Amino acid sequence: MPKMKTRKSIAKRVKRTASGGYKFTKPGRRHLMTNKSGKNKRQKRNAGLLDAAHAQRIKKALPYG
């Protein structure tokens, strides 16, 4: 049976946690930060965690981790 291919676009955006979840960088932090509130900037600093519904789809796209 051939190797399964990893979806590279997802692999670059998501990392697997030790407990089996997936973390990602929140969008909206690249530029135009002066227009955003301090609260918004603080919230975007922390990594986001995918919910279970999306995690199932990501798991299929990343067969090796």
PDB file of N, CA and C in Angstrom:
ATOM      1  N   MET A   1       0.839  -1.183   0.000  1.00  0.00           N
ATOM      2  CA  MET A   1       0.000   0.000   0.000  1.00  0.00           C
ATOM      3  C   MET A   1       0.890   1.254   0.000  1.00  0.00           C
ATOM      4  N   PRO A   2       0.598   2.229  -0.851  1.00  0.00           N
ATOM      5  CA  PRO A   2       1.451   3.413  -0.922  1.00  0.00           C
ATOM      6  C   PRO A   2       1.306   4.301   0.311  1.00  0.00           C
ATOM      7  N   LYS A   3       2.295   5.166   0.481  1.00  0.00           N
ATOM      8  CA  LYS A   3       2.244   6.117   1.592  1.00  0.00           C
ATOM      9  C   LYS A   3       1.093   7.098   1.375  1.00  0.00           C
ATOM     10  N   MET A   4       0.536   7.566   2.480  1.00  0.00           N
ATOM     11  CA  MET A   4      -0.505   8.596   2.391  1.00  0.00           C
ATOM     12  C   MET A   4       0.180   9.952   2.311  1.00  0.00           C
ATOM     13  N   LYS A   5      -0.403  10.858   1.549  1.00  0.00           N
ATOM     14  CA  LYS A   5       0.184  12.184   1.414  1.00  0.00           C
ATOM     15  C   LYS A   5      -0.358  13.114   2.493  1.00  0.00           C
ATOM     16  N   THR A   6       0.551  13.920   3.039  1.00  0.00           N
ATOM     17  CA  THR A   6       0.185  14.931   4.024  1.00  0.00           C
ATOM     18  C   THR A   6      -0.236  16.191   3.288  1.00  0.00           C
ATOM     19  N   ARG A   7      -1.292  16.840   3.751  1.00  0.00           N
ATOM     20  CA  ARG A   7      -1.701  18.124   3.172  1.00  0.00           C
ATOM     21  C   ARG A   7      -0.800  19.204   3.747  1.00  0.00           C
ATOM     22  N   LYS A   8       0.145  19.649   2.950  1.00  0.00           N
ATOM     23  CA  LYS A   8       1.166  20.574   3.419  1.00  0.00           C
ATOM     24  C   LYS A   8       0.601  21.919   3.851  1.00  0.00           C
ATOM     25  N   SER A   9      -0.470  22.375   3.213  1.00  0.00           N
ATOM     26  CA  SER A   9      -1.046  23.665   3.586  1.00  0.00           C
ATOM     27  C   SER A   9      -1.542  23.628   5.033  1.00  0.00           C
ATOM     28  N   ILE A  10      -2.082  22.499   5.461  1.00  0.00           N
ATOM     29  CA  ILE A  10      -2.554  22.363   6.840  1.00  0.00           C
ATOM     30  C   ILE A  10      -1.378  22.120   7.781  1.00  0.00           C
ATOM     31  N   ALA A  11      -0.410  21.339   7.347  1.00  0.00           N
ATOM     32  CA  ALA A  11       0.747  21.026   8.188  1.00  0.00           C
ATOM     33  C   ALA A  11       1.530  22.287   8.562  1.00  0.00           C
ATOM     34  N   LYS A  12       1.535  23.287   7.682  1.00  0.00           N
ATOM     35  CA  LYS A  12       2.255  24.527   7.968  1.00  0.00           C
ATOM     36  C   LYS A  12       1.507  25.421   8.941  1.00  0.00           C
ATOM     37  N   ARG A  13       0.200  25.238   9.079  1.00  0.00           N
ATOM     38  CA  ARG A  13      -0.619  26.117   9.901  1.00  0.00           C
ATOM     39  C   ARG A  13      -0.973  25.547  11.269  1.00  0.00           C
ATOM     40  N   VAL A  14      -0.849  24.235  11.439  1.00  0.00           N
ATOM     41  CA  VAL A  14      -1.350  23.572  12.645  1.00  0.00           C
ATOM     42  C   VAL A  14      -0.268  22.685  13.243  1.00  0.00           C
ATOM     43  N   LYS A  15      -0.196  22.665  14.586  1.00  0.00           N
ATOM     44  CA  LYS A  15       0.721  21.770  15.289  1.00  0.00           C
ATOM     45  C   LYS A  15      -0.087  20.904  16.250  1.00  0.00           C
ATOM     46  N   ARG A  16       0.337  19.666  16.417  1.00  0.00           N
ATOM     47  CA  ARG A  16      -0.355  18.733  17.311  1.00  0.00           C
ATOM     48  C   ARG A  16       0.133  18.928  18.741  1.00  0.00           C
ATOM     49  N   THR A  17      -0.771  18.934  19.705  1.00  0.00           N
ATOM     50  CA  THR A  17      -0.392  19.068  21.106  1.00  0.00           C
ATOM     51  C   THR A  17      -0.168  17.684  21.697  1.00  0.00           C
ATOM     52  N   ALA A  18       0.424  17.641  22.898  1.00  0.00           N
ATOM     53  CA  ALA A  18       0.730  16.367  23.553  1.00  0.00           C
ATOM     54  C   ALA A  18      -0.537  15.588  23.886  1.00  0.00           C
ATOM     55  N   SER A  19      -1.625  16.299  24.169  1.00  0.00           N
ATOM     56  CA  SER A  19      -2.873  15.620  24.524  1.00  0.00           C
ATOM     57  C   SER A  19      -3.712  15.253  23.307  1.00  0.00           C
ATOM     58  N   GLY A  20      -3.204  15.548  22.100  1.00  0.00           N
ATOM     59  CA  GLY A  20      -3.900  15.130  20.889  1.00  0.00           C
ATOM     60  C   GLY A  20      -4.723  16.209  20.218  1.00  0.00           C
ATOM     61  N   GLY A  21      -4.747  17.411  20.777  1.00  0.00           N
ATOM     62  CA  GLY A  21      -5.469  18.508  20.143  1.00  0.00           C
ATOM     63  C   GLY A  21      -4.614  19.162  19.071  1.00  0.00           C
ATOM     64  N   TYR A  22      -5.118  20.241  18.492  1.00  0.00           N
ATOM     65  CA  TYR A  22      -4.376  20.972  17.470  1.00  0.00           C
ATOM     66  C   TYR A  22      -4.374  22.451  17.821  1.00  0.00           C
ATOM     67  N   LYS A  23      -3.190  23.072  17.776  1.00  0.00           N
ATOM     68  CA  LYS A  23      -3.094  24.501  18.044  1.00  0.00           C
ATOM     69  C   LYS A  23      -2.683  25.226  16.775  1.00  0.00           C
ATOM     70  N   PHE A  24      -3.069  26.482  16.696  1.00  0.00           N
ATOM     71  CA  PHE A  24      -2.786  27.287  15.512  1.00  0.00           C
ATOM     72  C   PHE A  24      -2.563  28.732  15.933  1.00  0.00           C
ATOM     73  N   THR A  25      -1.912  29.499  15.074  1.00  0.00           N
ATOM     74  CA  THR A  25      -1.719  30.921  15.316  1.00  0.00           C
ATOM     75  C   THR A  25      -2.959  31.667  14.871  1.00  0.00           C
ATOM     76  N   LYS A  26      -3.434  32.557  15.716  1.00  0.00           N
ATOM     77  CA  LYS A  26      -4.640  33.317  15.380  1.00  0.00           C
ATOM     78  C   LYS A  26      -4.344  34.330  14.278  1.00  0.00           C
ATOM     79  N   PRO A  27      -5.280  34.524  13.364  1.00  0.00           N
ATOM     80  CA  PRO A  27      -5.051  35.450  12.251  1.00  0.00           C
ATOM     81  C   PRO A  27      -5.193  36.907  12.661  1.00  0.00           C
ATOM     82  N   GLY A  28      -4.634  37.794  11.860  1.00  0.00           N
ATOM     83  CA  GLY A  28      -4.819  39.226  12.069  1.00  0.00           C
ATOM     84  C   GLY A  28      -3.712  39.888  12.852  1.00  0.00           C
ATOM     85  N   ARG A  29      -2.492  39.334  12.816  1.00  0.00           N
ATOM     86  CA  ARG A  29      -1.396  39.917  13.590  1.00  0.00           C
ATOM     87  C   ARG A  29      -0.224  40.357  12.719  1.00  0.00           C
ATOM     88  N   ARG A  30      -0.387  40.398  11.438  1.00  0.00           N
ATOM     89  CA  ARG A  30       0.748  40.696  10.561  1.00  0.00           C
ATOM     90  C   ARG A  30       0.991  42.198  10.388  1.00  0.00           C
ATOM     91  N   HIS A  31      -0.054  42.945  10.168  1.00  0.00           N
ATOM     92  CA  HIS A  31       0.114  44.375   9.915  1.00  0.00           C
ATOM     93  C   HIS A  31      -1.153  45.112  10.311  1.00  0.00           C
ATOM     94  N   LEU A  32      -1.116  46.428  10.214  1.00  0.00           N
ATOM     95  CA  LEU A  32      -2.234  47.299  10.618  1.00  0.00           C
ATOM     96  C   LEU A  32      -2.602  47.112  12.090  1.00  0.00           C
ATOM     97  N   MET A  33      -1.593  46.911  12.933  1.00  0.00           N
ATOM     98  CA  MET A  33      -1.850  46.649  14.351  1.00  0.00           C
ATOM     99  C   MET A  33      -2.214  47.917  15.116  1.00  0.00           C
ATOM    100  N   THR A  34      -1.887  49.079  14.573  1.00  0.00           N
ATOM    101  CA  THR A  34      -2.185  50.320  15.298  1.00  0.00           C
ATOM    102  C   THR A  34      -3.686  50.583  15.374  1.00  0.00           C
ATOM    103  N   ASN A  35      -4.440  50.048  14.441  1.00  0.00           N
ATOM    104  CA  ASN A  35      -5.896  50.257  14.442  1.00  0.00           C
ATOM    105  C   ASN A  35      -6.629  49.306  15.366  1.00  0.00           C
ATOM    106  N   LYS A  36      -5.937  48.297  15.896  1.00  0.00           N
ATOM    107  CA  LYS A  36      -6.595  47.279  16.716  1.00  0.00           C
ATOM    108  C   LYS A  36      -6.460  47.625  18.188  1.00  0.00           C
ATOM    109  N   SER A  37      -7.443  47.251  18.956  1.00  0.00           N
ATOM    110  CA  SER A  37      -7.436  47.560  20.388  1.00  0.00           C
ATOM    111  C   SER A  37      -6.404  46.702  21.119  1.00  0.00           C
ATOM    112  N   GLY A  38      -6.005  47.163  22.285  1.00  0.00           N
ATOM    113  CA  GLY A  38      -5.041  46.418  23.094  1.00  0.00           C
ATOM    114  C   GLY A  38      -5.576  45.055  23.485  1.00  0.00           C
ATOM    115  N   LYS A  39      -6.850  44.994  23.799  1.00  0.00           N
ATOM    116  CA  LYS A  39      -7.475  43.720  24.176  1.00  0.00           C
ATOM    117  C   LYS A  39      -7.392  42.729  23.019  1.00  0.00           C
ATOM    118  N   ASN A  40      -7.680  43.216  21.836  1.00  0.00           N
ATOM    119  CA  ASN A  40      -7.648  42.362  20.651  1.00  0.00           C
ATOM    120  C   ASN A  40      -6.236  41.833  20.400  1.00  0.00           C
ATOM    121  N   LYS A  41      -5.244  42.700  20.541  1.00  0.00           N
ATOM    122  CA  LYS A  41      -3.849  42.296  20.313  1.00  0.00           C
ATOM    123  C   LYS A  41      -3.399  41.270  21.351  1.00  0.00           C
ATOM    124  N   ARG A  42      -3.799  41.449  22.599  1.00  0.00           N
ATOM    125  CA  ARG A  42      -3.457  40.490  23.655  1.00  0.00           C
ATOM    126  C   ARG A  42      -4.068  39.129  23.375  1.00  0.00           C
ATOM    127  N   GLN A  43      -5.315  39.118  22.940  1.00  0.00           N
ATOM    128  CA  GLN A  43      -6.005  37.850  22.671  1.00  0.00           C
ATOM    129  C   GLN A  43      -5.378  37.103  21.504  1.00  0.00           C
ATOM    130  N   LYS A  44      -4.844  37.828  20.546  1.00  0.00           N
ATOM    131  CA  LYS A  44      -4.231  37.192  19.375  1.00  0.00           C
ATOM    132  C   LYS A  44      -2.834  36.651  19.655  1.00  0.00           C
ATOM    133  N   ARG A  45      -2.225  37.050  20.777  1.00  0.00           N
ATOM    134  CA  ARG A  45      -0.894  36.555  21.131  1.00  0.00           C
ATOM    135  C   ARG A  45      -0.906  35.064  21.427  1.00  0.00           C
ATOM    136  N   ASN A  46      -1.960  34.596  22.094  1.00  0.00           N
ATOM    137  CA  ASN A  46      -2.044  33.194  22.508  1.00  0.00           C
ATOM    138  C   ASN A  46      -2.464  32.307  21.349  1.00  0.00           C
ATOM    139  N   ALA A  47      -1.981  31.092  21.365  1.00  0.00           N
ATOM    140  CA  ALA A  47      -2.362  30.133  20.323  1.00  0.00           C
ATOM    141  C   ALA A  47      -3.817  29.726  20.506  1.00  0.00           C
ATOM    142  N   GLY A  48      -4.502  29.482  19.401  1.00  0.00           N
ATOM    143  CA  GLY A  48      -5.873  29.006  19.461  1.00  0.00           C
ATOM    144  C   GLY A  48      -5.894  27.483  19.407  1.00  0.00           C
ATOM    145  N   LEU A  49      -6.937  26.892  19.962  1.00  0.00           N
ATOM    146  CA  LEU A  49      -7.115  25.444  19.899  1.00  0.00           C
ATOM    147  C   LEU A  49      -8.322  25.128  19.035  1.00  0.00           C
ATOM    148  N   LEU A  50      -8.170  24.165  18.148  1.00  0.00           N
ATOM    149  CA  LEU A  50      -9.285  23.769  17.287  1.00  0.00           C
ATOM    150  C   LEU A  50     -10.319  23.003  18.093  1.00  0.00           C
ATOM    151  N   ASP A  51     -11.577  23.216  17.775  1.00  0.00           N
ATOM    152  CA  ASP A  51     -12.621  22.440  18.441  1.00  0.00           C
ATOM    153  C   ASP A  51     -12.695  21.039  17.832  1.00  0.00           C
ATOM    154  N   ALA A  52     -13.423  20.166  18.489  1.00  0.00           N
ATOM    155  CA  ALA A  52     -13.459  18.749  18.105  1.00  0.00           C
ATOM    156  C   ALA A  52     -13.980  18.544  16.683  1.00  0.00           C
ATOM    157  N   ALA A  53     -14.944  19.359  16.256  1.00  0.00           N
ATOM    158  CA  ALA A  53     -15.528  19.202  14.929  1.00  0.00           C
ATOM    159  C   ALA A  53     -14.479  19.411  13.833  1.00  0.00           C
ATOM    160  N   HIS A  54     -13.638  20.425  14.002  1.00  0.00           N
ATOM    161  CA  HIS A  54     -12.603  20.674  13.010  1.00  0.00           C
ATOM    162  C   HIS A  54     -11.435  19.710  13.163  1.00  0.00           C
ATOM    163  N   ALA A  55     -11.170  19.286  14.387  1.00  0.00           N
ATOM    164  CA  ALA A  55     -10.035  18.393  14.643  1.00  0.00           C
ATOM    165  C   ALA A  55     -10.180  17.074  13.882  1.00  0.00           C
ATOM    166  N   GLN A  56     -11.383  16.581  13.723  1.00  0.00           N
ATOM    167  CA  GLN A  56     -11.603  15.331  12.991  1.00  0.00           C
ATOM    168  C   GLN A  56     -11.160  15.467  11.536  1.00  0.00           C
ATOM    169  N   ARG A  57     -11.453  16.609  10.924  1.00  0.00           N
ATOM    170  CA  ARG A  57     -11.070  16.832   9.533  1.00  0.00           C
ATOM    171  C   ARG A  57      -9.562  17.004   9.395  1.00  0.00           C
ATOM    172  N   ILE A  58      -8.960  17.673  10.352  1.00  0.00           N
ATOM    173  CA  ILE A  58      -7.512  17.890  10.319  1.00  0.00           C
ATOM    174  C   ILE A  58      -6.785  16.571  10.504  1.00  0.00           C
ATOM    175  N   LYS A  59      -7.316  15.715  11.352  1.00  0.00           N
ATOM    176  CA  LYS A  59      -6.691  14.426  11.619  1.00  0.00           C
ATOM    177  C   LYS A  59      -6.572  13.597  10.329  1.00  0.00           C
ATOM    178  N   LYS A  60      -7.574  13.658   9.476  1.00  0.00           N
ATOM    179  CA  LYS A  60      -7.529  12.934   8.201  1.00  0.00           C
ATOM    180  C   LYS A  60      -6.505  13.539   7.247  1.00  0.00           C
ATOM    181  N   ALA A  61      -6.357  14.881   7.318  1.00  0.00           N
ATOM    182  CA  ALA A  61      -5.447  15.561   6.400  1.00  0.00           C
ATOM    183  C   ALA A  61      -3.987  15.392   6.807  1.00  0.00           C
ATOM    184  N   LEU A  62      -3.743  15.053   8.098  1.00  0.00           N
ATOM    185  CA  LEU A  62      -2.380  14.881   8.598  1.00  0.00           C
ATOM    186  C   LEU A  62      -2.223  13.453   9.105  1.00  0.00           C
ATOM    187  N   PRO A  63      -2.025  12.496   8.222  1.00  0.00           N
ATOM    188  CA  PRO A  63      -2.000  11.097   8.640  1.00  0.00           C
ATOM    189  C   PRO A  63      -0.811  10.710   9.528  1.00  0.00           C
ATOM    190  N   TYR A  64       0.272  11.488   9.494  1.00  0.00           N
ATOM    191  CA  TYR A  64       1.469  11.127  10.265  1.00  0.00           C
ATOM    192  C   TYR A  64       1.752  12.080  11.400  1.00  0.00           C
ATOM    193  N   GLY A  65       0.722  12.754  11.906  1.00  0.00           N
ATOM    194  CA  GLY A  65       0.967  13.643  13.046  1.00  0.00           C
ATOM    195  C   GLY A  65       0.404  14.951  12.896  1.00  0.00           C
TER     196      GLY A  65
END
